[in-house]
Structures are given as C-alpha cells and as structure tokens.
C-alpha cells in the first residue's frame, strides 16, 4: 500500500473506531461522547503516524499518553460523596491507545481491542447491573440541623428499619451536621426503601448518593 494512501486509511480507520466508542458513551449521555472520542482516536493516530517519520518519535508517543491523562482527568468529577466519570476517562485512554495502534500499523490488534471495549461496555453492563442488585455498598452523605436532630437519633431510626451502615466521617459547619455512611444495598434492602427513608425524614435537610 502506498504510504500516503495508507495514512488516509489509518485516519479513516481511527475515525470509525473512535465513532463506535463515542456512540456507546453518547447513548449513555456521558460528557465525553461521539465527537470527543473521534477527535481523540484520530489525533492519537496522527501523532503516531508522525512519530514514525521523526527521529524523536518515541517522545511523541510518550507525550500522547501524558496528554490523554489530562483529558481523562477532565471528565472525572465528584458529585456529593460519589465520584463519576471514571469509566469515560478509561475509554478516553483506550481510544487513544487504539488510535496509536492504528497509527503504528497494528490493525488487527486495533480491531480486537475495539471489539473488546464495546463488548465490555455494552454486553457486560447488564451483567454488572444484575450483580449490583445482589449486593452493593453505596456512600450516602446526610445533612441535618444539629438543633433539631442528632446522629444518635438518626442511627437509631436506621437500625429500626434494618439499614446496615458504617459511619465514615462527621463534619459540622455552623448549625449543619454532615454525616457520611457506607450503606449496604441489596435485593432484600432495596435502594428505593433506603432513599424513601431519607426523603420522608422531616429532620433531614438533604442527602447525596
């Protein structure tokens, strides 16, 4: 294959691989979606193509890995007591690796890895949800006014309806108490029941999961 034609093929291949990964993220309404994955995969492929024609090509390849780390960190954020975006960050990392594989002419490897990533994200998501229904530990952050309520009263009420919990930390700012718990969620102790308890408790001013 003529080098220039091969480069065009590589770019189009990277575009297709990035689009497939991006569609999966877009379907789940994640911040790094269709266009983001295409740009990451194609740019990694292009940098890899350029690295083959430059004396310091190994440095370009290593800098791709470093740069993608910053992009991945940008989609990870803390929401209450939970951390979100880690899966999207991992797929950004994989998208870059696939783009580099294409740029370095490892086509079969790129196809296999793209298929594996899609299998993990689409097929195994259902398995993960089924497994989570059996047993899961959720982090709850509960807020209430110290003048109206106490940790002892809250935990007594949680025990009365058989909520299994472990207190992680307690902070107080002005009159507001913030308590973080690890709470067991399973089929027997449905999350809806636990959420309903916190929502219907008039002393609790808010909670995050």
N, C-alpha and C. Protein backbone atom coordinates (compact mmCIF):
# COMPACT_ATOMS: atom_id res chain seq x y z
N UNK A 1 0.86 -1.20 0.00
CA UNK A 1 0.00 0.00 0.00
C UNK A 1 0.88 1.24 0.00
N UNK A 2 0.59 2.20 -0.86
CA UNK A 2 1.35 3.45 -0.92
C UNK A 2 1.26 4.16 0.43
N UNK A 3 2.40 4.67 0.93
CA UNK A 3 2.40 5.29 2.26
C UNK A 3 1.32 6.34 2.47
N UNK A 4 1.13 7.24 1.49
CA UNK A 4 0.14 8.30 1.66
C UNK A 4 -1.27 7.73 1.72
N UNK A 5 -1.56 6.75 0.86
CA UNK A 5 -2.87 6.11 0.88
C UNK A 5 -3.07 5.35 2.19
N UNK A 6 -2.01 4.76 2.67
CA UNK A 6 -2.10 4.04 3.94
C UNK A 6 -2.41 5.01 5.08
N UNK A 7 -1.85 6.19 5.04
CA UNK A 7 -2.13 7.18 6.08
C UNK A 7 -3.60 7.58 6.07
N UNK A 8 -4.15 7.75 4.87
CA UNK A 8 -5.58 8.08 4.76
C UNK A 8 -6.42 6.94 5.33
N UNK A 9 -6.03 5.71 4.97
CA UNK A 9 -6.74 4.54 5.51
C UNK A 9 -6.66 4.51 7.04
N UNK A 10 -5.49 4.80 7.58
CA UNK A 10 -5.32 4.78 9.03
C UNK A 10 -6.20 5.82 9.71
N UNK A 11 -6.26 7.01 9.15
CA UNK A 11 -7.08 8.07 9.72
C UNK A 11 -8.57 7.69 9.69
N UNK A 12 -9.02 7.12 8.56
CA UNK A 12 -10.42 6.71 8.44
C UNK A 12 -10.73 5.55 9.40
N UNK A 13 -9.78 4.66 9.55
CA UNK A 13 -9.92 3.54 10.49
C UNK A 13 -10.07 4.07 11.91
N UNK A 14 -9.21 5.02 12.28
CA UNK A 14 -9.26 5.62 13.62
C UNK A 14 -10.58 6.36 13.82
N UNK A 15 -11.05 7.03 12.77
CA UNK A 15 -12.33 7.73 12.86
C UNK A 15 -13.46 6.74 13.16
N UNK A 16 -13.46 5.61 12.47
CA UNK A 16 -14.51 4.60 12.67
C UNK A 16 -14.44 4.00 14.08
N UNK A 17 -13.22 3.69 14.54
CA UNK A 17 -13.06 3.11 15.88
C UNK A 17 -13.50 4.11 16.95
N UNK A 18 -13.08 5.37 16.81
CA UNK A 18 -13.48 6.40 17.77
C UNK A 18 -14.97 6.63 17.76
N UNK A 19 -15.58 6.58 16.56
CA UNK A 19 -17.03 6.78 16.45
C UNK A 19 -17.79 5.68 17.17
N UNK A 20 -17.34 4.44 17.05
CA UNK A 20 -18.01 3.32 17.73
C UNK A 20 -17.97 3.50 19.25
N UNK A 21 -16.79 3.86 19.76
CA UNK A 21 -16.66 4.08 21.21
C UNK A 21 -17.47 5.30 21.64
N UNK A 22 -17.48 6.33 20.82
CA UNK A 22 -18.22 7.55 21.13
C UNK A 22 -19.71 7.35 21.14
N UNK A 23 -20.22 6.50 20.23
CA UNK A 23 -21.66 6.23 20.19
C UNK A 23 -22.12 5.55 21.48
N UNK A 24 -21.28 4.66 22.00
CA UNK A 24 -21.63 3.98 23.27
C UNK A 24 -21.72 4.99 24.40
N UNK A 25 -20.77 5.93 24.47
CA UNK A 25 -20.79 6.97 25.51
C UNK A 25 -21.97 7.93 25.30
N UNK A 26 -22.26 8.26 24.04
CA UNK A 26 -23.36 9.16 23.71
C UNK A 26 -24.69 8.55 24.11
N UNK A 27 -24.82 7.24 23.89
CA UNK A 27 -26.05 6.52 24.23
C UNK A 27 -26.34 6.59 25.71
N UNK A 28 -25.27 6.59 26.51
CA UNK A 28 -25.42 6.66 27.97
C UNK A 28 -25.32 8.09 28.48
N UNK A 29 -25.39 9.08 27.59
CA UNK A 29 -25.40 10.51 27.94
C UNK A 29 -24.21 10.92 28.80
N UNK A 30 -23.02 10.46 28.41
CA UNK A 30 -21.81 10.81 29.14
C UNK A 30 -21.15 12.04 28.53
N UNK A 31 -20.36 12.78 29.32
CA UNK A 31 -19.78 14.03 28.83
C UNK A 31 -18.82 13.86 27.66
N UNK A 32 -18.01 12.78 27.66
CA UNK A 32 -17.09 12.52 26.55
C UNK A 32 -17.80 11.61 25.56
N UNK A 33 -18.42 12.19 24.55
CA UNK A 33 -19.27 11.41 23.65
C UNK A 33 -18.71 11.22 22.26
N UNK A 34 -19.58 11.28 21.27
CA UNK A 34 -19.30 10.93 19.89
C UNK A 34 -18.11 11.71 19.31
N UNK A 35 -18.22 13.02 19.27
CA UNK A 35 -17.17 13.83 18.65
C UNK A 35 -15.86 13.77 19.43
N UNK A 36 -15.97 13.74 20.78
CA UNK A 36 -14.77 13.70 21.61
C UNK A 36 -13.94 12.46 21.33
N UNK A 37 -14.59 11.29 21.29
CA UNK A 37 -13.86 10.04 21.05
C UNK A 37 -13.25 10.00 19.65
N UNK A 38 -13.96 10.53 18.66
CA UNK A 38 -13.41 10.57 17.30
C UNK A 38 -12.15 11.42 17.27
N UNK A 39 -12.22 12.60 17.86
CA UNK A 39 -11.07 13.51 17.85
C UNK A 39 -9.87 12.91 18.59
N UNK A 40 -10.13 12.25 19.71
CA UNK A 40 -9.04 11.64 20.49
C UNK A 40 -8.39 10.51 19.70
N UNK A 41 -9.22 9.65 19.12
CA UNK A 41 -8.70 8.49 18.39
C UNK A 41 -7.93 8.92 17.14
N UNK A 42 -8.49 9.85 16.38
CA UNK A 42 -7.84 10.33 15.15
C UNK A 42 -6.55 11.09 15.47
N UNK A 43 -6.60 11.95 16.50
CA UNK A 43 -5.39 12.72 16.83
C UNK A 43 -4.27 11.80 17.31
N UNK A 44 -4.60 10.78 18.10
CA UNK A 44 -3.59 9.83 18.57
C UNK A 44 -2.99 9.07 17.39
N UNK A 45 -3.86 8.71 16.44
CA UNK A 45 -3.40 8.03 15.23
C UNK A 45 -2.45 8.92 14.44
N UNK A 46 -2.82 10.18 14.27
CA UNK A 46 -2.00 11.12 13.51
C UNK A 46 -0.64 11.33 14.17
N UNK A 47 -0.64 11.52 15.49
CA UNK A 47 0.63 11.69 16.20
C UNK A 47 1.52 10.45 16.04
N UNK A 48 0.88 9.28 16.05
CA UNK A 48 1.65 8.04 15.90
C UNK A 48 2.24 7.93 14.51
N UNK A 49 1.48 8.33 13.49
CA UNK A 49 1.99 8.33 12.11
C UNK A 49 3.20 9.26 12.01
N UNK A 50 3.07 10.45 12.61
CA UNK A 50 4.17 11.41 12.58
C UNK A 50 5.39 10.92 13.34
N UNK A 51 5.15 10.17 14.43
CA UNK A 51 6.27 9.69 15.24
C UNK A 51 7.15 8.72 14.47
N UNK A 52 6.57 8.02 13.47
CA UNK A 52 7.35 7.07 12.68
C UNK A 52 8.31 7.77 11.73
N UNK A 53 8.01 9.01 11.41
CA UNK A 53 8.85 9.72 10.44
C UNK A 53 9.79 10.73 11.09
N UNK A 54 9.81 10.76 12.43
CA UNK A 54 10.67 11.71 13.12
C UNK A 54 11.68 10.99 14.01
N UNK A 55 12.88 11.53 14.13
CA UNK A 55 13.91 10.90 14.96
C UNK A 55 13.49 10.77 16.43
N UNK A 56 12.73 11.76 16.90
CA UNK A 56 12.31 11.74 18.31
C UNK A 56 10.90 11.20 18.45
N UNK A 57 10.55 10.25 17.59
CA UNK A 57 9.19 9.71 17.56
C UNK A 57 8.76 9.06 18.85
N UNK A 58 9.72 8.43 19.56
CA UNK A 58 9.36 7.77 20.81
C UNK A 58 8.87 8.78 21.84
N UNK A 59 9.41 10.02 21.78
CA UNK A 59 8.98 11.06 22.70
C UNK A 59 7.55 11.51 22.40
N UNK A 60 7.21 11.56 21.11
CA UNK A 60 5.84 11.93 20.72
C UNK A 60 4.86 10.92 21.29
N UNK A 61 5.18 9.63 21.14
CA UNK A 61 4.29 8.57 21.63
C UNK A 61 4.10 8.67 23.14
N UNK A 62 5.18 8.93 23.87
CA UNK A 62 5.07 9.02 25.33
C UNK A 62 4.27 10.26 25.74
N UNK A 63 4.41 11.34 24.96
CA UNK A 63 3.66 12.56 25.27
C UNK A 63 2.17 12.41 25.01
N UNK A 64 1.79 11.53 24.07
CA UNK A 64 0.37 11.24 23.85
C UNK A 64 -0.23 10.67 25.12
N UNK A 65 0.47 9.72 25.72
CA UNK A 65 -0.01 9.09 26.96
C UNK A 65 -0.18 10.12 28.06
N UNK A 66 0.80 11.01 28.20
CA UNK A 66 0.73 12.06 29.22
C UNK A 66 -0.44 13.01 28.97
N UNK A 67 -0.57 13.45 27.71
CA UNK A 67 -1.63 14.40 27.36
C UNK A 67 -3.02 13.83 27.55
N UNK A 68 -3.19 12.56 27.19
CA UNK A 68 -4.50 11.92 27.34
C UNK A 68 -4.87 11.80 28.81
N UNK A 69 -3.87 11.68 29.67
CA UNK A 69 -4.14 11.64 31.11
C UNK A 69 -4.84 12.90 31.59
N UNK A 70 -4.43 14.06 31.05
CA UNK A 70 -5.08 15.33 31.41
C UNK A 70 -6.51 15.39 30.89
N UNK A 71 -6.72 14.90 29.66
CA UNK A 71 -8.08 14.90 29.09
C UNK A 71 -8.99 13.99 29.92
N UNK A 72 -8.48 12.82 30.28
CA UNK A 72 -9.27 11.89 31.08
C UNK A 72 -9.63 12.46 32.44
N UNK A 73 -8.67 13.17 33.05
CA UNK A 73 -8.94 13.78 34.36
C UNK A 73 -10.05 14.82 34.28
N UNK A 74 -10.21 15.42 33.10
CA UNK A 74 -11.22 16.46 32.93
C UNK A 74 -12.65 15.96 32.99
N UNK A 75 -12.86 14.66 32.76
CA UNK A 75 -14.23 14.13 32.79
C UNK A 75 -14.56 13.44 34.11
N UNK A 76 -13.58 13.38 35.03
CA UNK A 76 -13.82 12.80 36.35
C UNK A 76 -14.18 13.91 37.31
N UNK A 77 -15.31 13.78 37.98
CA UNK A 77 -15.71 14.83 38.91
C UNK A 77 -16.44 14.21 40.11
N UNK A 78 -16.41 14.95 41.20
CA UNK A 78 -17.03 14.49 42.45
C UNK A 78 -18.40 15.11 42.57
N UNK A 79 -19.39 14.26 42.80
CA UNK A 79 -20.76 14.74 42.98
C UNK A 79 -21.27 14.23 44.32
N UNK A 80 -21.27 15.13 45.29
CA UNK A 80 -21.63 14.70 46.64
C UNK A 80 -20.54 13.78 47.17
N UNK A 81 -20.96 12.58 47.59
CA UNK A 81 -20.00 11.61 48.11
C UNK A 81 -19.55 10.63 47.04
N UNK A 82 -20.03 10.80 45.81
CA UNK A 82 -19.72 9.87 44.73
C UNK A 82 -18.75 10.50 43.73
N UNK A 83 -17.96 9.64 43.10
CA UNK A 83 -17.05 10.06 42.04
C UNK A 83 -17.58 9.50 40.72
N UNK A 84 -17.75 10.37 39.74
CA UNK A 84 -18.30 9.97 38.45
C UNK A 84 -17.33 10.29 37.32
N UNK A 85 -17.49 9.56 36.21
CA UNK A 85 -16.69 9.83 35.02
C UNK A 85 -15.46 8.95 34.87
N UNK A 86 -15.24 8.03 35.82
CA UNK A 86 -14.04 7.19 35.75
C UNK A 86 -14.09 6.28 34.52
N UNK A 87 -15.27 5.74 34.21
CA UNK A 87 -15.39 4.87 33.03
C UNK A 87 -15.13 5.65 31.75
N UNK A 88 -15.67 6.86 31.66
CA UNK A 88 -15.41 7.70 30.48
C UNK A 88 -13.92 8.00 30.35
N UNK A 89 -13.25 8.25 31.47
CA UNK A 89 -11.80 8.51 31.44
C UNK A 89 -11.05 7.29 30.93
N UNK A 90 -11.49 6.10 31.36
CA UNK A 90 -10.84 4.87 30.92
C UNK A 90 -11.03 4.65 29.41
N UNK A 91 -12.22 4.99 28.91
CA UNK A 91 -12.49 4.82 27.48
C UNK A 91 -11.71 5.84 26.66
N UNK A 92 -11.52 7.05 27.19
CA UNK A 92 -10.66 8.04 26.53
C UNK A 92 -9.25 7.47 26.40
N UNK A 93 -8.78 6.86 27.46
CA UNK A 93 -7.45 6.24 27.46
C UNK A 93 -7.37 5.14 26.40
N UNK A 94 -8.43 4.29 26.35
CA UNK A 94 -8.46 3.19 25.38
C UNK A 94 -8.56 3.73 23.95
N UNK A 95 -9.34 4.79 23.76
CA UNK A 95 -9.49 5.39 22.43
C UNK A 95 -8.15 5.89 21.91
N UNK A 96 -7.38 6.50 22.79
CA UNK A 96 -6.04 6.97 22.41
C UNK A 96 -5.13 5.80 22.07
N UNK A 97 -5.20 4.74 22.86
CA UNK A 97 -4.37 3.56 22.61
C UNK A 97 -4.72 2.91 21.28
N UNK A 98 -6.02 2.85 20.96
CA UNK A 98 -6.45 2.27 19.69
C UNK A 98 -5.97 3.14 18.52
N UNK A 99 -6.10 4.45 18.68
CA UNK A 99 -5.61 5.37 17.65
C UNK A 99 -4.11 5.20 17.42
N UNK A 100 -3.35 5.05 18.48
CA UNK A 100 -1.91 4.83 18.36
C UNK A 100 -1.62 3.50 17.67
N UNK A 101 -2.41 2.47 18.00
CA UNK A 101 -2.22 1.15 17.37
C UNK A 101 -2.41 1.24 15.86
N UNK A 102 -3.44 1.98 15.45
CA UNK A 102 -3.70 2.16 14.02
C UNK A 102 -2.56 2.93 13.37
N UNK A 103 -2.13 4.00 14.04
CA UNK A 103 -1.03 4.82 13.50
C UNK A 103 0.26 4.05 13.36
N UNK A 104 0.47 3.05 14.22
CA UNK A 104 1.69 2.24 14.19
C UNK A 104 1.49 0.94 13.40
N UNK A 105 0.35 0.85 12.68
CA UNK A 105 0.03 -0.24 11.75
C UNK A 105 -0.32 -1.56 12.42
N UNK A 106 -0.75 -1.52 13.66
CA UNK A 106 -1.21 -2.75 14.32
C UNK A 106 -2.73 -2.87 14.13
N UNK A 107 -3.16 -3.14 12.91
CA UNK A 107 -4.57 -3.07 12.56
C UNK A 107 -5.41 -4.16 13.24
N UNK A 108 -4.91 -5.38 13.20
CA UNK A 108 -5.66 -6.50 13.80
C UNK A 108 -5.83 -6.26 15.30
N UNK A 109 -4.77 -5.80 15.94
CA UNK A 109 -4.82 -5.50 17.37
C UNK A 109 -5.86 -4.42 17.65
N UNK A 110 -5.89 -3.38 16.80
CA UNK A 110 -6.86 -2.29 16.98
C UNK A 110 -8.29 -2.79 16.87
N UNK A 111 -8.55 -3.67 15.89
CA UNK A 111 -9.90 -4.23 15.71
C UNK A 111 -10.30 -5.07 16.92
N UNK A 112 -9.39 -5.91 17.38
CA UNK A 112 -9.69 -6.80 18.51
C UNK A 112 -9.97 -5.98 19.78
N UNK A 113 -9.13 -4.96 20.03
CA UNK A 113 -9.30 -4.14 21.24
C UNK A 113 -10.59 -3.33 21.17
N UNK A 114 -10.91 -2.78 20.00
CA UNK A 114 -12.17 -2.04 19.85
C UNK A 114 -13.35 -2.94 20.15
N UNK A 115 -13.32 -4.18 19.62
CA UNK A 115 -14.40 -5.14 19.87
C UNK A 115 -14.50 -5.49 21.35
N UNK A 116 -13.34 -5.65 22.01
CA UNK A 116 -13.34 -5.99 23.44
C UNK A 116 -13.94 -4.85 24.26
N UNK A 117 -13.56 -3.60 23.94
CA UNK A 117 -14.08 -2.45 24.68
C UNK A 117 -15.59 -2.35 24.52
N UNK A 118 -16.08 -2.52 23.28
CA UNK A 118 -17.53 -2.46 23.04
C UNK A 118 -18.25 -3.59 23.76
N UNK A 119 -17.64 -4.78 23.77
CA UNK A 119 -18.23 -5.92 24.48
C UNK A 119 -18.34 -5.63 25.97
N UNK A 120 -17.26 -5.09 26.53
CA UNK A 120 -17.25 -4.76 27.96
C UNK A 120 -18.31 -3.71 28.29
N UNK A 121 -18.41 -2.67 27.46
CA UNK A 121 -19.30 -1.56 27.76
C UNK A 121 -20.76 -1.86 27.46
N UNK A 122 -21.04 -2.69 26.46
CA UNK A 122 -22.44 -2.96 26.09
C UNK A 122 -22.96 -4.24 26.72
N UNK A 123 -22.25 -5.35 26.50
CA UNK A 123 -22.74 -6.65 26.98
C UNK A 123 -22.58 -6.80 28.49
N UNK A 124 -21.45 -6.37 29.01
CA UNK A 124 -21.18 -6.61 30.44
C UNK A 124 -21.86 -5.60 31.35
N UNK A 125 -22.41 -4.52 30.78
CA UNK A 125 -23.13 -3.54 31.60
C UNK A 125 -24.35 -4.19 32.26
N UNK A 126 -25.06 -5.01 31.50
CA UNK A 126 -26.24 -5.70 32.04
C UNK A 126 -25.85 -6.67 33.15
N UNK A 127 -24.73 -7.39 32.92
CA UNK A 127 -24.24 -8.31 33.94
C UNK A 127 -23.87 -7.56 35.21
N UNK A 128 -23.22 -6.40 35.04
CA UNK A 128 -22.81 -5.58 36.19
C UNK A 128 -24.03 -5.12 36.99
N UNK A 129 -25.09 -4.72 36.29
CA UNK A 129 -26.32 -4.28 36.97
C UNK A 129 -26.96 -5.42 37.75
N UNK A 130 -26.98 -6.62 37.14
CA UNK A 130 -27.54 -7.79 37.83
C UNK A 130 -26.72 -8.12 39.07
N UNK A 131 -25.40 -8.04 38.95
CA UNK A 131 -24.52 -8.34 40.08
C UNK A 131 -24.70 -7.31 41.19
N UNK A 132 -24.85 -6.03 40.79
CA UNK A 132 -25.02 -4.96 41.78
C UNK A 132 -26.31 -5.12 42.58
N UNK A 133 -27.32 -5.75 41.95
CA UNK A 133 -28.59 -5.96 42.65
C UNK A 133 -28.44 -6.94 43.81
N UNK A 134 -27.46 -7.85 43.71
CA UNK A 134 -27.26 -8.84 44.76
C UNK A 134 -26.65 -8.19 46.01
N UNK A 135 -25.66 -7.34 45.80
CA UNK A 135 -25.02 -6.68 46.94
C UNK A 135 -24.22 -5.50 46.46
N UNK A 136 -24.38 -4.38 47.14
CA UNK A 136 -23.66 -3.17 46.75
C UNK A 136 -23.54 -2.26 47.96
N UNK A 137 -22.41 -1.58 48.06
CA UNK A 137 -22.21 -0.60 49.12
C UNK A 137 -22.28 0.80 48.51
N UNK A 138 -23.24 1.59 48.97
CA UNK A 138 -23.40 2.95 48.48
C UNK A 138 -22.95 3.94 49.56
N UNK A 139 -22.37 5.05 49.12
CA UNK A 139 -21.96 6.10 50.05
C UNK A 139 -23.05 7.16 50.10
N UNK A 140 -23.62 7.34 51.26
CA UNK A 140 -24.66 8.36 51.48
C UNK A 140 -24.09 9.49 52.33
N UNK A 141 -24.35 10.71 51.90
CA UNK A 141 -23.97 11.88 52.70
C UNK A 141 -25.25 12.57 53.15
N UNK A 142 -25.49 12.58 54.45
CA UNK A 142 -26.75 13.07 55.02
C UNK A 142 -26.52 14.39 55.74
N UNK A 143 -27.47 15.34 55.57
CA UNK A 143 -27.36 16.65 56.19
C UNK A 143 -28.59 16.92 57.07
N UNK A 144 -28.36 17.50 58.24
CA UNK A 144 -29.47 17.91 59.10
C UNK A 144 -29.01 19.00 60.06
N UNK A 145 -29.98 19.68 60.67
CA UNK A 145 -29.68 20.76 61.61
C UNK A 145 -29.44 20.17 62.99
N UNK A 146 -28.33 20.54 63.61
CA UNK A 146 -27.98 19.97 64.92
C UNK A 146 -28.97 20.37 66.01
N UNK A 147 -29.64 21.49 65.81
CA UNK A 147 -30.60 21.95 66.83
C UNK A 147 -31.84 21.07 66.86
N UNK A 148 -32.17 20.41 65.74
CA UNK A 148 -33.41 19.64 65.65
C UNK A 148 -33.22 18.13 65.69
N UNK A 149 -31.98 17.67 65.52
CA UNK A 149 -31.76 16.23 65.32
C UNK A 149 -30.36 15.88 65.79
N UNK A 150 -30.11 14.58 65.96
CA UNK A 150 -28.77 14.15 66.37
C UNK A 150 -28.40 12.88 65.61
N UNK A 151 -27.11 12.59 65.59
CA UNK A 151 -26.62 11.38 64.92
C UNK A 151 -27.19 10.14 65.60
N UNK A 152 -27.28 10.19 66.92
CA UNK A 152 -27.80 9.05 67.67
C UNK A 152 -29.25 8.74 67.27
N UNK A 153 -30.05 9.78 67.13
CA UNK A 153 -31.46 9.57 66.73
C UNK A 153 -31.55 9.02 65.31
N UNK A 154 -30.73 9.57 64.42
CA UNK A 154 -30.73 9.11 63.03
C UNK A 154 -30.36 7.64 62.95
N UNK A 155 -29.28 7.26 63.62
CA UNK A 155 -28.80 5.88 63.54
C UNK A 155 -29.76 4.91 64.24
N UNK A 156 -30.44 5.36 65.28
CA UNK A 156 -31.43 4.52 65.94
C UNK A 156 -32.57 4.21 64.98
N UNK A 157 -33.04 5.22 64.23
CA UNK A 157 -34.12 5.03 63.27
C UNK A 157 -33.68 4.15 62.10
N UNK A 158 -32.42 4.28 61.68
CA UNK A 158 -31.89 3.43 60.60
C UNK A 158 -31.84 1.97 61.04
N UNK A 159 -31.46 1.73 62.28
CA UNK A 159 -31.41 0.36 62.80
C UNK A 159 -32.80 -0.25 62.92
N UNK A 160 -33.78 0.59 63.25
CA UNK A 160 -35.15 0.10 63.42
C UNK A 160 -35.74 -0.47 62.12
N UNK A 161 -35.28 0.05 60.97
CA UNK A 161 -35.78 -0.49 59.69
C UNK A 161 -34.70 -1.35 59.01
N UNK A 162 -33.74 -1.82 59.84
CA UNK A 162 -32.71 -2.79 59.40
C UNK A 162 -31.83 -2.28 58.27
N UNK A 163 -31.43 -1.01 58.32
CA UNK A 163 -30.45 -0.49 57.36
C UNK A 163 -29.06 -0.77 57.92
N UNK A 164 -28.26 -1.53 57.15
CA UNK A 164 -26.89 -1.82 57.56
C UNK A 164 -25.98 -0.69 57.13
N UNK A 165 -25.29 -0.08 58.07
CA UNK A 165 -24.48 1.09 57.75
C UNK A 165 -23.19 1.10 58.55
N UNK A 166 -22.22 1.84 58.01
CA UNK A 166 -20.97 2.13 58.73
C UNK A 166 -20.72 3.62 58.58
N UNK A 167 -20.55 4.32 59.69
CA UNK A 167 -20.30 5.75 59.63
C UNK A 167 -18.84 6.00 59.25
N UNK A 168 -18.64 6.82 58.21
CA UNK A 168 -17.29 7.13 57.74
C UNK A 168 -16.72 8.37 58.42
N UNK A 169 -17.46 9.46 58.32
CA UNK A 169 -16.95 10.72 58.89
C UNK A 169 -18.11 11.65 59.22
N UNK A 170 -17.84 12.56 60.12
CA UNK A 170 -18.84 13.56 60.52
C UNK A 170 -18.19 14.94 60.52
N UNK A 171 -18.88 15.91 59.93
CA UNK A 171 -18.40 17.30 59.95
C UNK A 171 -19.56 18.20 60.35
N UNK A 172 -19.21 19.36 60.89
CA UNK A 172 -20.25 20.32 61.28
C UNK A 172 -19.82 21.71 60.87
N UNK A 173 -20.72 22.39 60.17
CA UNK A 173 -20.46 23.77 59.76
C UNK A 173 -21.64 24.63 60.19
N UNK A 174 -21.35 25.58 61.06
CA UNK A 174 -22.41 26.38 61.69
C UNK A 174 -23.37 25.44 62.41
N UNK A 175 -24.62 25.39 61.97
CA UNK A 175 -25.62 24.55 62.63
C UNK A 175 -25.95 23.29 61.82
N UNK A 176 -25.19 23.08 60.71
CA UNK A 176 -25.49 21.96 59.82
C UNK A 176 -24.51 20.82 60.06
N UNK A 177 -25.05 19.62 60.31
CA UNK A 177 -24.24 18.42 60.51
C UNK A 177 -24.25 17.61 59.21
N UNK A 178 -23.06 17.19 58.76
CA UNK A 178 -22.92 16.34 57.58
C UNK A 178 -22.32 15.01 58.01
N UNK A 179 -23.05 13.92 57.72
CA UNK A 179 -22.58 12.59 58.11
C UNK A 179 -22.50 11.72 56.86
N UNK A 180 -21.36 11.04 56.70
CA UNK A 180 -21.17 10.15 55.55
C UNK A 180 -21.23 8.70 56.02
N UNK A 181 -22.05 7.89 55.33
CA UNK A 181 -22.24 6.48 55.68
C UNK A 181 -21.95 5.58 54.48
N UNK A 182 -21.40 4.41 54.76
CA UNK A 182 -21.42 3.29 53.81
C UNK A 182 -22.66 2.48 54.14
N UNK A 183 -23.57 2.35 53.17
CA UNK A 183 -24.83 1.64 53.41
C UNK A 183 -24.96 0.47 52.44
N UNK A 184 -25.29 -0.69 52.98
CA UNK A 184 -25.45 -1.89 52.15
C UNK A 184 -26.77 -1.84 51.41
N UNK A 185 -26.71 -2.06 50.09
CA UNK A 185 -27.91 -2.10 49.25
C UNK A 185 -27.96 -3.46 48.57
N UNK A 186 -29.10 -4.14 48.66
CA UNK A 186 -29.26 -5.44 48.02
C UNK A 186 -30.71 -5.62 47.63
N UNK A 187 -31.04 -6.78 47.07
CA UNK A 187 -32.44 -7.05 46.72
C UNK A 187 -33.32 -7.03 47.96
N UNK A 188 -32.77 -7.53 49.05
CA UNK A 188 -33.54 -7.60 50.29
C UNK A 188 -33.75 -6.19 50.85
N UNK A 189 -32.69 -5.37 50.76
CA UNK A 189 -32.76 -3.99 51.25
C UNK A 189 -32.67 -3.08 50.04
N UNK A 190 -33.77 -2.91 49.38
CA UNK A 190 -33.81 -2.15 48.14
C UNK A 190 -33.41 -0.69 48.35
N UNK A 191 -32.70 -0.15 47.36
CA UNK A 191 -32.24 1.24 47.47
C UNK A 191 -33.42 2.20 47.56
N UNK A 192 -34.52 1.89 46.89
CA UNK A 192 -35.69 2.77 46.93
C UNK A 192 -36.22 2.92 48.36
N UNK A 193 -36.16 1.82 49.11
CA UNK A 193 -36.62 1.85 50.50
C UNK A 193 -35.72 2.77 51.34
N UNK A 194 -34.41 2.64 51.10
CA UNK A 194 -33.45 3.47 51.85
C UNK A 194 -33.61 4.93 51.48
N UNK A 195 -33.73 5.21 50.18
CA UNK A 195 -33.91 6.59 49.73
C UNK A 195 -35.21 7.18 50.29
N UNK A 196 -36.24 6.35 50.32
CA UNK A 196 -37.55 6.81 50.82
C UNK A 196 -37.45 7.19 52.30
N UNK A 197 -36.66 6.42 53.05
CA UNK A 197 -36.47 6.73 54.47
C UNK A 197 -35.87 8.12 54.64
N UNK A 198 -34.82 8.43 53.88
CA UNK A 198 -34.17 9.73 53.99
C UNK A 198 -35.06 10.85 53.47
N UNK A 199 -35.82 10.59 52.42
CA UNK A 199 -36.69 11.62 51.83
C UNK A 199 -37.85 11.96 52.75
N UNK A 200 -38.39 10.94 53.45
CA UNK A 200 -39.56 11.15 54.30
C UNK A 200 -39.21 11.60 55.72
N UNK A 201 -37.91 11.57 56.04
CA UNK A 201 -37.47 12.01 57.37
C UNK A 201 -37.46 13.55 57.39
N UNK A 202 -38.37 14.11 58.15
CA UNK A 202 -38.54 15.58 58.17
C UNK A 202 -37.37 16.30 58.81
N UNK A 203 -36.55 15.59 59.57
CA UNK A 203 -35.40 16.23 60.22
C UNK A 203 -34.22 16.37 59.26
N UNK A 204 -34.18 15.55 58.22
CA UNK A 204 -33.06 15.57 57.27
C UNK A 204 -33.31 16.65 56.22
N UNK A 205 -32.35 17.53 56.08
CA UNK A 205 -32.50 18.65 55.13
C UNK A 205 -32.05 18.27 53.72
N UNK A 206 -31.28 17.18 53.59
CA UNK A 206 -30.86 16.73 52.27
C UNK A 206 -29.90 15.56 52.38
N UNK A 207 -29.73 14.82 51.26
CA UNK A 207 -28.75 13.74 51.22
C UNK A 207 -28.26 13.53 49.80
N UNK A 208 -27.04 13.06 49.67
CA UNK A 208 -26.43 12.76 48.37
C UNK A 208 -25.98 11.31 48.34
N UNK A 209 -26.00 10.73 47.15
CA UNK A 209 -25.53 9.35 46.98
C UNK A 209 -24.40 9.35 45.95
